[in-house]
Each structure stands twice: as structure tokens, then as C-alpha cells.
């Protein structure tokens, strides 16, 4: 899958995701943070699923209706658990993400908001 990892995602976790065969861009490699709206736009334009720890992206999509290709939000996970949680979600919910779902991953549960729900 094609992913755009937000700057808040732990940069060292990228290797594990890339080794699993995913096409990953990390916003932390960019010279400056372009802001949430632009990151969301870049992910959408490049047909990438956005992976973030930031709840603001869900608000941009749900409340303001900005387009996206799918979002994975990791909540209260240690930096060392981010890659494993991301890979698990990509494996278990690939079809939902391809359809534009917003998936929130917490320690004890996963919530899936299908594409097109308000």
C-alpha cells in the first residue's frame, strides 16, 4: 500500500513498514511541515493512506469534508508499537482503507469509520 506517515509518526518505525513491502513517504523528511491540510491534500493527490497520531485530520475530513484516501490514526501507542500496529491494520483492514475508511487504533480496540459515513 502507498502511505504517507505524518511527522508525528516515529521515524525509526518506517524501516519495518518499508521492509513489509509498503511504499512510504514520511513527512518528517520534508524541509518544513506544510500543515495538516496540505499533508492531507498531498496524501489524497498521491493516492496514499495517511498514518498519523493527530486527531485533527479526522476533524478535517469529517467536519469539513476534505477529500482523502483513507486515514489510520494511532492513539496512545508507544513509538515502538507504532509500526506493528500500523502493519496489523494494513493487513486486517486493507479493503476498508482502499475504500477510504478512517481507522482509529487504540491499545484495546480498533474503530472503523467506513467511507461515506458522517
N, C-alpha and C. Protein backbone atom coordinates (compact mmCIF):
# COMPACT_ATOMS: atom_id res chain seq x y z
N UNK A 1 0.84 -1.19 0.00
CA UNK A 1 0.00 0.00 0.00
C UNK A 1 0.88 1.24 0.00
N UNK A 2 0.32 2.30 -0.51
CA UNK A 2 1.03 3.58 -0.51
C UNK A 2 0.59 4.36 0.73
N UNK A 3 1.58 4.81 1.50
CA UNK A 3 1.31 5.50 2.76
C UNK A 3 2.04 6.83 2.82
N UNK A 4 1.43 7.76 3.52
CA UNK A 4 2.10 9.00 3.90
C UNK A 4 2.05 9.02 5.43
N UNK A 5 3.21 8.93 6.05
CA UNK A 5 3.30 8.96 7.50
C UNK A 5 3.48 10.41 7.93
N UNK A 6 2.62 10.86 8.82
CA UNK A 6 2.69 12.21 9.35
C UNK A 6 3.98 12.38 10.15
N UNK A 7 4.37 13.61 10.37
CA UNK A 7 5.60 13.90 11.11
C UNK A 7 5.58 13.34 12.52
N UNK A 8 4.42 13.18 13.11
CA UNK A 8 4.34 12.70 14.49
C UNK A 8 4.60 11.19 14.59
N UNK A 9 4.58 10.50 13.46
CA UNK A 9 4.87 9.06 13.44
C UNK A 9 6.37 8.89 13.66
N UNK A 10 6.76 7.92 14.48
CA UNK A 10 8.16 7.70 14.82
C UNK A 10 8.94 7.29 13.58
N UNK A 11 9.91 8.10 13.21
CA UNK A 11 10.70 7.88 12.00
C UNK A 11 11.40 6.54 11.95
N UNK A 12 11.86 6.02 13.08
CA UNK A 12 12.57 4.74 13.09
C UNK A 12 11.65 3.56 12.80
N UNK A 13 10.35 3.75 12.95
CA UNK A 13 9.39 2.67 12.67
C UNK A 13 9.18 2.49 11.16
N UNK A 14 9.62 3.44 10.38
CA UNK A 14 9.40 3.37 8.93
C UNK A 14 10.07 2.17 8.29
N UNK A 15 11.27 1.83 8.75
CA UNK A 15 12.00 0.72 8.14
C UNK A 15 11.19 -0.57 8.16
N UNK A 16 10.54 -0.85 9.29
CA UNK A 16 9.74 -2.07 9.41
C UNK A 16 8.58 -2.08 8.41
N UNK A 17 7.98 -0.94 8.21
CA UNK A 17 6.85 -0.84 7.29
C UNK A 17 7.33 -0.96 5.83
N UNK A 18 8.45 -0.33 5.53
CA UNK A 18 9.02 -0.43 4.18
C UNK A 18 9.46 -1.87 3.91
N UNK A 19 10.09 -2.52 4.90
CA UNK A 19 10.53 -3.91 4.73
C UNK A 19 9.35 -4.85 4.48
N UNK A 20 8.17 -4.47 4.96
CA UNK A 20 6.96 -5.28 4.73
C UNK A 20 6.41 -5.06 3.32
N UNK A 21 7.04 -4.18 2.54
CA UNK A 21 6.66 -4.01 1.14
C UNK A 21 5.79 -2.80 0.83
N UNK A 22 5.63 -1.91 1.79
CA UNK A 22 4.78 -0.73 1.57
C UNK A 22 5.60 0.43 1.02
N UNK A 23 4.96 1.24 0.20
CA UNK A 23 5.55 2.44 -0.40
C UNK A 23 5.26 3.59 0.57
N UNK A 24 6.30 4.06 1.26
CA UNK A 24 6.10 5.01 2.36
C UNK A 24 6.84 6.32 2.11
N UNK A 25 6.12 7.40 2.34
CA UNK A 25 6.72 8.73 2.42
C UNK A 25 6.51 9.21 3.85
N UNK A 26 7.55 9.74 4.47
CA UNK A 26 7.46 10.28 5.83
C UNK A 26 7.58 11.80 5.77
N UNK A 27 6.56 12.49 6.23
CA UNK A 27 6.56 13.96 6.21
C UNK A 27 7.70 14.54 7.05
N UNK A 28 8.24 13.76 7.96
CA UNK A 28 9.39 14.20 8.76
C UNK A 28 10.65 14.41 7.95
N UNK A 29 10.69 13.87 6.74
CA UNK A 29 11.85 14.08 5.85
C UNK A 29 11.77 15.40 5.08
N UNK A 30 10.62 16.03 5.09
CA UNK A 30 10.44 17.29 4.36
C UNK A 30 11.15 18.42 5.09
N UNK A 31 11.60 19.44 4.35
CA UNK A 31 12.33 20.54 4.98
C UNK A 31 11.51 21.31 6.02
N UNK A 32 10.20 21.36 5.83
CA UNK A 32 9.34 22.01 6.82
C UNK A 32 7.96 21.37 6.79
N UNK A 33 7.25 21.51 7.89
CA UNK A 33 5.90 20.94 7.99
C UNK A 33 4.94 21.85 7.24
N UNK A 34 4.26 21.35 6.20
CA UNK A 34 3.37 22.20 5.41
C UNK A 34 2.00 22.43 6.07
N UNK A 35 1.75 21.77 7.19
CA UNK A 35 0.45 21.91 7.86
C UNK A 35 -0.47 20.76 7.53
N UNK A 36 -1.45 20.54 8.39
CA UNK A 36 -2.33 19.39 8.27
C UNK A 36 -3.12 19.36 6.96
N UNK A 37 -3.68 20.49 6.55
CA UNK A 37 -4.49 20.49 5.33
C UNK A 37 -3.66 20.11 4.12
N UNK A 38 -2.44 20.63 4.05
CA UNK A 38 -1.57 20.33 2.89
C UNK A 38 -1.12 18.86 2.93
N UNK A 39 -0.81 18.35 4.11
CA UNK A 39 -0.42 16.94 4.23
C UNK A 39 -1.56 16.05 3.75
N UNK A 40 -2.77 16.35 4.19
CA UNK A 40 -3.94 15.60 3.76
C UNK A 40 -4.11 15.69 2.24
N UNK A 41 -3.91 16.86 1.69
CA UNK A 41 -4.03 17.07 0.25
C UNK A 41 -2.98 16.26 -0.52
N UNK A 42 -1.75 16.27 -0.04
CA UNK A 42 -0.68 15.52 -0.71
C UNK A 42 -1.00 14.02 -0.68
N UNK A 43 -1.45 13.53 0.45
CA UNK A 43 -1.81 12.11 0.56
C UNK A 43 -2.93 11.78 -0.44
N UNK A 44 -3.90 12.64 -0.53
CA UNK A 44 -5.03 12.42 -1.44
C UNK A 44 -4.57 12.46 -2.90
N UNK A 45 -3.77 13.46 -3.24
CA UNK A 45 -3.28 13.61 -4.62
C UNK A 45 -2.43 12.42 -5.05
N UNK A 46 -1.65 11.86 -4.12
CA UNK A 46 -0.75 10.75 -4.44
C UNK A 46 -1.37 9.39 -4.15
N UNK A 47 -2.66 9.38 -3.83
CA UNK A 47 -3.39 8.14 -3.56
C UNK A 47 -2.73 7.36 -2.43
N UNK A 48 -2.42 8.06 -1.34
CA UNK A 48 -1.77 7.46 -0.18
C UNK A 48 -2.68 7.48 1.03
N UNK A 49 -2.60 6.44 1.82
CA UNK A 49 -3.29 6.40 3.10
C UNK A 49 -2.44 7.20 4.08
N UNK A 50 -3.08 8.07 4.82
CA UNK A 50 -2.39 8.89 5.80
C UNK A 50 -2.34 8.15 7.13
N UNK A 51 -1.15 8.05 7.71
CA UNK A 51 -0.98 7.45 9.04
C UNK A 51 -0.52 8.56 9.97
N UNK A 52 -1.24 8.73 11.08
CA UNK A 52 -0.99 9.85 11.97
C UNK A 52 -1.31 9.50 13.42
N UNK A 53 -0.90 10.35 14.32
CA UNK A 53 -1.30 10.29 15.72
C UNK A 53 -2.23 11.45 16.03
N UNK A 54 -2.43 12.30 15.08
CA UNK A 54 -3.12 13.58 15.24
C UNK A 54 -4.61 13.47 14.92
N UNK A 55 -5.46 13.83 15.87
CA UNK A 55 -6.91 13.75 15.65
C UNK A 55 -7.42 14.84 14.70
N UNK A 56 -6.63 15.85 14.45
CA UNK A 56 -7.06 16.95 13.60
C UNK A 56 -7.41 16.50 12.18
N UNK A 57 -6.77 15.47 11.69
CA UNK A 57 -7.07 15.00 10.32
C UNK A 57 -8.48 14.45 10.23
N UNK A 58 -8.90 13.72 11.23
CA UNK A 58 -10.27 13.22 11.25
C UNK A 58 -11.27 14.36 11.25
N UNK A 59 -10.96 15.41 11.99
CA UNK A 59 -11.84 16.57 12.03
C UNK A 59 -11.89 17.27 10.67
N UNK A 60 -10.74 17.37 9.99
CA UNK A 60 -10.73 17.99 8.67
C UNK A 60 -11.60 17.20 7.69
N UNK A 61 -11.57 15.91 7.81
CA UNK A 61 -12.31 15.05 6.89
C UNK A 61 -13.79 14.98 7.27
N UNK A 62 -14.07 14.74 8.54
CA UNK A 62 -15.46 14.52 8.97
C UNK A 62 -16.23 15.84 9.05
N UNK A 63 -15.65 16.84 9.68
CA UNK A 63 -16.38 18.09 9.88
C UNK A 63 -16.33 19.01 8.67
N UNK A 64 -15.18 19.05 7.99
CA UNK A 64 -15.04 19.97 6.86
C UNK A 64 -15.20 19.30 5.51
N UNK A 65 -15.24 17.98 5.51
CA UNK A 65 -15.48 17.26 4.27
C UNK A 65 -14.33 17.24 3.29
N UNK A 66 -13.09 17.43 3.77
CA UNK A 66 -11.95 17.40 2.85
C UNK A 66 -11.72 15.98 2.34
N UNK A 67 -11.34 15.86 1.08
CA UNK A 67 -11.15 14.52 0.50
C UNK A 67 -9.91 13.83 1.04
N UNK A 68 -9.94 12.50 1.03
CA UNK A 68 -8.81 11.70 1.49
C UNK A 68 -8.90 10.32 0.89
N UNK A 69 -7.84 9.53 1.04
CA UNK A 69 -7.78 8.17 0.51
C UNK A 69 -7.79 7.12 1.62
N UNK A 70 -8.05 7.54 2.84
CA UNK A 70 -8.03 6.65 4.00
C UNK A 70 -7.08 7.21 5.04
N UNK A 71 -7.45 7.00 6.30
CA UNK A 71 -6.63 7.51 7.40
C UNK A 71 -6.52 6.43 8.46
N UNK A 72 -5.32 6.25 8.98
CA UNK A 72 -5.08 5.41 10.14
C UNK A 72 -4.57 6.33 11.24
N UNK A 73 -5.30 6.36 12.36
CA UNK A 73 -4.88 7.18 13.50
C UNK A 73 -4.52 6.27 14.65
N UNK A 74 -3.29 6.41 15.13
CA UNK A 74 -2.80 5.64 16.27
C UNK A 74 -2.94 6.48 17.53
N UNK A 75 -3.58 5.93 18.55
CA UNK A 75 -3.87 6.67 19.77
C UNK A 75 -3.15 6.04 20.96
N UNK A 76 -2.35 6.84 21.64
CA UNK A 76 -1.68 6.43 22.88
C UNK A 76 -0.88 5.14 22.74
N UNK A 77 -0.22 4.96 21.62
CA UNK A 77 0.67 3.82 21.44
C UNK A 77 2.11 4.31 21.56
N UNK A 78 2.94 3.53 22.20
CA UNK A 78 4.34 3.92 22.32
C UNK A 78 4.96 3.94 20.92
N UNK A 79 6.03 4.69 20.78
CA UNK A 79 6.71 4.79 19.48
C UNK A 79 7.10 3.41 18.98
N UNK A 80 7.54 2.55 19.86
CA UNK A 80 7.98 1.21 19.46
C UNK A 80 6.84 0.32 18.99
N UNK A 81 5.61 0.62 19.35
CA UNK A 81 4.45 -0.18 18.93
C UNK A 81 3.80 0.37 17.66
N UNK A 82 4.20 1.53 17.21
CA UNK A 82 3.54 2.17 16.07
C UNK A 82 3.64 1.33 14.80
N UNK A 83 4.80 0.82 14.47
CA UNK A 83 4.96 0.07 13.23
C UNK A 83 4.11 -1.20 13.25
N UNK A 84 4.17 -1.95 14.34
CA UNK A 84 3.40 -3.20 14.42
C UNK A 84 1.91 -2.93 14.32
N UNK A 85 1.43 -1.90 15.02
CA UNK A 85 0.00 -1.55 14.96
C UNK A 85 -0.39 -1.14 13.54
N UNK A 86 0.45 -0.36 12.90
CA UNK A 86 0.18 0.07 11.53
C UNK A 86 0.13 -1.12 10.58
N UNK A 87 1.10 -2.01 10.68
CA UNK A 87 1.12 -3.19 9.82
C UNK A 87 -0.09 -4.09 10.05
N UNK A 88 -0.49 -4.24 11.31
CA UNK A 88 -1.67 -5.06 11.61
C UNK A 88 -2.91 -4.47 10.96
N UNK A 89 -3.08 -3.17 11.07
CA UNK A 89 -4.25 -2.51 10.49
C UNK A 89 -4.23 -2.62 8.97
N UNK A 90 -3.08 -2.42 8.37
CA UNK A 90 -2.98 -2.52 6.91
C UNK A 90 -3.33 -3.92 6.43
N UNK A 91 -2.98 -4.91 7.20
CA UNK A 91 -3.28 -6.28 6.85
C UNK A 91 -4.76 -6.63 7.06
N UNK A 92 -5.28 -6.26 8.21
CA UNK A 92 -6.65 -6.64 8.58
C UNK A 92 -7.73 -5.80 7.90
N UNK A 93 -7.41 -4.54 7.60
CA UNK A 93 -8.42 -3.62 7.09
C UNK A 93 -8.04 -3.02 5.73
N UNK A 94 -7.32 -3.76 4.94
CA UNK A 94 -6.85 -3.25 3.64
C UNK A 94 -8.00 -2.81 2.75
N UNK A 95 -9.04 -3.62 2.67
CA UNK A 95 -10.17 -3.29 1.79
C UNK A 95 -10.88 -2.02 2.27
N UNK A 96 -11.11 -1.91 3.57
CA UNK A 96 -11.77 -0.73 4.12
C UNK A 96 -10.95 0.53 3.84
N UNK A 97 -9.63 0.42 3.99
CA UNK A 97 -8.75 1.56 3.73
C UNK A 97 -8.77 1.94 2.25
N UNK A 98 -8.76 0.95 1.38
CA UNK A 98 -8.82 1.24 -0.06
C UNK A 98 -10.10 1.99 -0.42
N UNK A 99 -11.15 1.75 0.36
CA UNK A 99 -12.42 2.42 0.12
C UNK A 99 -12.51 3.78 0.82
N UNK A 100 -11.48 4.16 1.60
CA UNK A 100 -11.45 5.47 2.23
C UNK A 100 -11.89 5.52 3.67
N UNK A 101 -11.78 4.42 4.39
CA UNK A 101 -12.17 4.39 5.80
C UNK A 101 -11.21 5.22 6.66
N UNK A 102 -11.71 5.62 7.81
CA UNK A 102 -10.88 6.22 8.85
C UNK A 102 -10.82 5.18 9.97
N UNK A 103 -9.61 4.74 10.29
CA UNK A 103 -9.44 3.69 11.29
C UNK A 103 -8.65 4.25 12.45
N UNK A 104 -9.21 4.11 13.63
CA UNK A 104 -8.58 4.58 14.86
C UNK A 104 -8.12 3.36 15.66
N UNK A 105 -6.84 3.33 15.97
CA UNK A 105 -6.24 2.20 16.67
C UNK A 105 -5.86 2.65 18.07
N UNK A 106 -6.47 2.00 19.05
CA UNK A 106 -6.13 2.25 20.45
C UNK A 106 -5.54 0.96 21.01
N UNK A 107 -5.05 1.02 22.25
CA UNK A 107 -4.43 -0.17 22.84
C UNK A 107 -5.38 -1.36 22.89
N UNK A 108 -6.63 -1.13 23.23
CA UNK A 108 -7.56 -2.24 23.45
C UNK A 108 -8.63 -2.39 22.38
N UNK A 109 -8.63 -1.53 21.38
CA UNK A 109 -9.67 -1.65 20.36
C UNK A 109 -9.28 -0.93 19.07
N UNK A 110 -10.01 -1.29 18.02
CA UNK A 110 -9.87 -0.64 16.72
C UNK A 110 -11.28 -0.19 16.31
N UNK A 111 -11.39 1.07 15.92
CA UNK A 111 -12.68 1.59 15.43
C UNK A 111 -12.54 1.89 13.95
N UNK A 112 -13.53 1.45 13.19
CA UNK A 112 -13.52 1.66 11.74
C UNK A 112 -14.70 2.54 11.37
N UNK A 113 -14.41 3.66 10.75
CA UNK A 113 -15.45 4.55 10.23
C UNK A 113 -15.42 4.38 8.71
N UNK A 114 -16.39 3.64 8.18
CA UNK A 114 -16.38 3.40 6.72
C UNK A 114 -16.45 4.69 5.92
N UNK A 115 -15.95 4.63 4.71
CA UNK A 115 -16.03 5.78 3.80
C UNK A 115 -17.48 6.17 3.60
N UNK A 116 -17.72 7.47 3.53
CA UNK A 116 -19.04 7.97 3.23
C UNK A 116 -19.97 8.10 4.40
N UNK A 117 -19.50 7.79 5.62
CA UNK A 117 -20.37 7.97 6.80
C UNK A 117 -20.10 9.31 7.43
N UNK A 118 -21.15 9.91 7.96
CA UNK A 118 -20.98 11.21 8.58
C UNK A 118 -21.08 11.10 10.07
